[in-house]
Amino acid sequence: MLLFSLVSLSFAQTTAPDSSTGIEGVISLGPIHGGPTREGIPNSAPVANTAFIVTDEKGTVAEFNTDDTGHFRVSLPPGHYSVSLKEKKGGVGRYGPFKVDVSAGQVAKVQWTCDTGMR
C-alpha cells in the first residue's frame, strides 16, 4: 500500500503542470466595424467568454475560456504550442492558430487579435 501511494504521488507530481509556467494574455477581435478606423471609436473588442484549445505536435493538451475582458491564463509545461478557437463553425474570420513558446519557470505574456475579416 505504501509503495502504491509513493508511485501515485510521484506520478501526480510529474504530470501536473507548474502553475508558474504557461501562457497568460488577452485575446481581442477586430476590426469590429467596416470602413476606415475613426478617431475615438474603438476598432476592436475582447473575445469574451470563449473556448480555445492548446495543441502541440501530439494533439490537444489543454483548453481554456477567456473571461469577460478576453483575459485568460493556462498552466502548461515548457514547450511549443498553438492556440485556436475550440469550435469554429465556418464563416469569415481567423481565430488562430497563434504560436507560442513556453519556457521553464516562466509565463509567456501574449496579446492576440483575431481577424473578423471585415473591411
C-alpha atoms as a PDB file:
ATOM      1  CA  MET A   1       0.000   0.000   0.000  1.00  0.00           C
ATOM      2  CA  LEU A   2       2.841   2.395   0.850  1.00  0.00           C
ATOM      3  CA  LEU A   3       4.535   1.652  -2.472  1.00  0.00           C
ATOM      4  CA  PHE A   4       1.271   2.390  -4.348  1.00  0.00           C
ATOM      5  CA  SER A   5       0.946   5.731  -2.501  1.00  0.00           C
ATOM      6  CA  LEU A   6       4.515   6.733  -3.333  1.00  0.00           C
ATOM      7  CA  VAL A   7       4.094   5.800  -7.011  1.00  0.00           C
ATOM      8  CA  SER A   8       0.800   7.727  -7.187  1.00  0.00           C
ATOM      9  CA  LEU A   9       2.360  10.782  -5.536  1.00  0.00           C
ATOM     10  CA  SER A  10       5.353  10.651  -7.873  1.00  0.00           C
ATOM     11  CA  PHE A  11       3.095  10.361 -10.957  1.00  0.00           C
ATOM     12  CA  ALA A  12       0.924  13.304  -9.846  1.00  0.00           C
ATOM     13  CA  GLN A  13       3.961  15.497  -9.335  1.00  0.00           C
ATOM     14  CA  THR A  14       5.493  14.777 -12.733  1.00  0.00           C
ATOM     15  CA  THR A  15       2.317  15.168 -14.800  1.00  0.00           C
ATOM     16  CA  ALA A  16       0.798  18.287 -13.218  1.00  0.00           C
ATOM     17  CA  PRO A  17       1.928  21.486 -14.970  1.00  0.00           C
ATOM     18  CA  ASP A  18       3.644  24.077 -12.827  1.00  0.00           C
ATOM     19  CA  SER A  19       1.200  26.933 -12.197  1.00  0.00           C
ATOM     20  CA  SER A  20       4.060  29.403 -12.666  1.00  0.00           C
ATOM     21  CA  THR A  21       4.679  28.110 -16.195  1.00  0.00           C
ATOM     22  CA  GLY A  22       2.231  28.655 -19.049  1.00  0.00           C
ATOM     23  CA  ILE A  23       0.510  31.345 -21.103  1.00  0.00           C
ATOM     24  CA  GLU A  24      -1.355  34.468 -19.979  1.00  0.00           C
ATOM     25  CA  GLY A  25      -2.849  37.238 -22.033  1.00  0.00           C
ATOM     26  CA  VAL A  26      -5.751  38.899 -23.777  1.00  0.00           C
ATOM     27  CA  ILE A  27      -7.499  37.912 -26.986  1.00  0.00           C
ATOM     28  CA  SER A  28      -9.348  40.613 -28.911  1.00  0.00           C
ATOM     29  CA  LEU A  29     -11.291  40.763 -32.159  1.00  0.00           C
ATOM     30  CA  GLY A  30     -11.081  43.362 -34.881  1.00  0.00           C
ATOM     31  CA  PRO A  31     -11.973  45.241 -36.879  1.00  0.00           C
ATOM     32  CA  ILE A  32     -15.435  45.444 -35.356  1.00  0.00           C
ATOM     33  CA  HIS A  33     -16.900  47.876 -37.904  1.00  0.00           C
ATOM     34  CA  GLY A  34     -16.445  48.392 -41.627  1.00  0.00           C
ATOM     35  CA  GLY A  35     -14.674  51.277 -43.253  1.00  0.00           C
ATOM     36  CA  PRO A  36     -11.687  53.270 -42.074  1.00  0.00           C
ATOM     37  CA  THR A  37     -10.641  53.496 -38.443  1.00  0.00           C
ATOM     38  CA  ARG A  38     -12.164  56.577 -36.815  1.00  0.00           C
ATOM     39  CA  GLU A  39     -10.540  58.509 -34.019  1.00  0.00           C
ATOM     40  CA  GLY A  40     -12.251  57.956 -30.672  1.00  0.00           C
ATOM     41  CA  ILE A  41     -14.171  54.875 -31.865  1.00  0.00           C
ATOM     42  CA  PRO A  42     -12.731  51.508 -30.806  1.00  0.00           C
ATOM     43  CA  ASN A  43     -11.851  49.195 -33.655  1.00  0.00           C
ATOM     44  CA  SER A  44     -11.529  46.049 -31.529  1.00  0.00           C
ATOM     45  CA  ALA A  45     -13.373  44.256 -28.744  1.00  0.00           C
ATOM     46  CA  PRO A  46     -12.472  41.466 -26.328  1.00  0.00           C
ATOM     47  CA  VAL A  47     -13.183  37.880 -27.315  1.00  0.00           C
ATOM     48  CA  ALA A  48     -15.219  37.324 -24.154  1.00  0.00           C
ATOM     49  CA  ASN A  49     -16.261  34.008 -22.596  1.00  0.00           C
ATOM     50  CA  THR A  50     -14.956  31.947 -25.493  1.00  0.00           C
ATOM     51  CA  ALA A  51     -13.386  28.469 -25.502  1.00  0.00           C
ATOM     52  CA  PHE A  52      -9.920  27.909 -27.015  1.00  0.00           C
ATOM     53  CA  ILE A  53      -7.722  24.820 -27.300  1.00  0.00           C
ATOM     54  CA  VAL A  54      -3.966  24.470 -26.882  1.00  0.00           C
ATOM     55  CA  THR A  55      -2.206  21.889 -29.031  1.00  0.00           C
ATOM     56  CA  ASP A  56       1.312  20.605 -29.505  1.00  0.00           C
ATOM     57  CA  GLU A  57       2.682  18.154 -32.082  1.00  0.00           C
ATOM     58  CA  LYS A  58       0.815  15.289 -30.355  1.00  0.00           C
ATOM     59  CA  GLY A  59      -2.625  16.953 -30.233  1.00  0.00           C
ATOM     60  CA  THR A  60      -4.773  18.846 -27.727  1.00  0.00           C
ATOM     61  CA  VAL A  61      -3.045  19.385 -24.360  1.00  0.00           C
ATOM     62  CA  ALA A  62      -5.325  21.962 -22.698  1.00  0.00           C
ATOM     63  CA  GLU A  63      -8.470  24.038 -23.043  1.00  0.00           C
ATOM     64  CA  PHE A  64      -9.368  27.398 -21.537  1.00  0.00           C
ATOM     65  CA  ASN A  65     -12.084  30.048 -21.627  1.00  0.00           C
ATOM     66  CA  THR A  66     -11.491  33.764 -21.835  1.00  0.00           C
ATOM     67  CA  ASP A  67     -13.224  35.960 -19.235  1.00  0.00           C
ATOM     68  CA  ASP A  68     -15.481  38.988 -19.846  1.00  0.00           C
ATOM     69  CA  THR A  69     -12.457  41.091 -20.840  1.00  0.00           C
ATOM     70  CA  GLY A  70     -10.853  38.489 -23.133  1.00  0.00           C
ATOM     71  CA  HIS A  71      -8.217  37.635 -20.495  1.00  0.00           C
ATOM     72  CA  PHE A  72      -7.022  34.084 -19.904  1.00  0.00           C
ATOM     73  CA  ARG A  73      -4.330  32.127 -18.098  1.00  0.00           C
ATOM     74  CA  VAL A  74      -3.463  28.472 -18.672  1.00  0.00           C
ATOM     75  CA  SER A  75      -0.761  26.416 -16.927  1.00  0.00           C
ATOM     76  CA  LEU A  76       1.427  24.398 -19.298  1.00  0.00           C
ATOM     77  CA  PRO A  77       4.792  22.689 -19.139  1.00  0.00           C
ATOM     78  CA  PRO A  78       7.614  24.147 -21.257  1.00  0.00           C
ATOM     79  CA  GLY A  79       7.145  23.536 -24.980  1.00  0.00           C
ATOM     80  CA  HIS A  80       5.957  24.811 -28.347  1.00  0.00           C
ATOM     81  CA  TYR A  81       2.192  25.331 -28.621  1.00  0.00           C
ATOM     82  CA  SER A  82      -0.544  26.508 -30.946  1.00  0.00           C
ATOM     83  CA  VAL A  83      -3.761  28.145 -29.665  1.00  0.00           C
ATOM     84  CA  SER A  84      -7.001  28.157 -31.682  1.00  0.00           C
ATOM     85  CA  LEU A  85     -10.720  28.694 -31.251  1.00  0.00           C
ATOM     86  CA  LYS A  86     -12.219  25.456 -29.910  1.00  0.00           C
ATOM     87  CA  GLU A  87     -15.207  25.172 -32.232  1.00  0.00           C
ATOM     88  CA  LYS A  88     -15.174  27.395 -35.302  1.00  0.00           C
ATOM     89  CA  LYS A  89     -18.351  26.829 -37.263  1.00  0.00           C
ATOM     90  CA  GLY A  90     -17.279  28.175 -40.638  1.00  0.00           C
ATOM     91  CA  GLY A  91     -17.752  31.685 -41.910  1.00  0.00           C
ATOM     92  CA  VAL A  92     -15.307  34.519 -42.275  1.00  0.00           C
ATOM     93  CA  GLY A  93     -12.686  35.315 -39.680  1.00  0.00           C
ATOM     94  CA  ARG A  94      -9.427  33.985 -38.309  1.00  0.00           C
ATOM     95  CA  TYR A  95      -9.234  32.871 -34.662  1.00  0.00           C
ATOM     96  CA  GLY A  96      -5.748  31.395 -34.649  1.00  0.00           C
ATOM     97  CA  PRO A  97      -3.721  29.377 -34.723  1.00  0.00           C
ATOM     98  CA  PHE A  98      -1.466  31.558 -32.604  1.00  0.00           C
ATOM     99  CA  LYS A  99       2.004  30.119 -31.989  1.00  0.00           C
ATOM    100  CA  VAL A 100       3.691  30.466 -28.604  1.00  0.00           C
ATOM    101  CA  ASP A 101       6.755  29.056 -26.831  1.00  0.00           C
ATOM    102  CA  VAL A 102       6.627  28.399 -23.089  1.00  0.00           C
ATOM    103  CA  SER A 103       9.957  28.434 -21.243  1.00  0.00           C
ATOM    104  CA  ALA A 104      10.688  26.667 -17.957  1.00  0.00           C
ATOM    105  CA  GLY A 105       9.607  28.694 -14.925  1.00  0.00           C
ATOM    106  CA  GLN A 106       8.032  31.487 -16.981  1.00  0.00           C
ATOM    107  CA  VAL A 107       4.575  32.567 -18.065  1.00  0.00           C
ATOM    108  CA  ALA A 108       4.526  33.704 -21.710  1.00  0.00           C
ATOM    109  CA  LYS A 109       2.630  37.024 -21.916  1.00  0.00           C
ATOM    110  CA  VAL A 110       0.630  37.379 -25.135  1.00  0.00           C
ATOM    111  CA  GLN A 111      -1.795  39.772 -26.767  1.00  0.00           C
ATOM    112  CA  TRP A 112      -3.506  38.256 -29.793  1.00  0.00           C
ATOM    113  CA  THR A 113      -6.026  39.807 -32.172  1.00  0.00           C
ATOM    114  CA  CYS A 114      -8.441  37.626 -34.109  1.00  0.00           C
ATOM    115  CA  ASP A 115      -9.342  38.920 -37.558  1.00  0.00           C
ATOM    116  CA  THR A 116     -13.073  39.340 -38.239  1.00  0.00           C
ATOM    117  CA  GLY A 117     -12.470  39.543 -41.975  1.00  0.00           C
ATOM    118  CA  MET A 118     -14.477  42.764 -42.024  1.00  0.00           C
ATOM    119  CA  ARG A 119     -13.064  45.533 -44.205  1.00  0.00           C
END
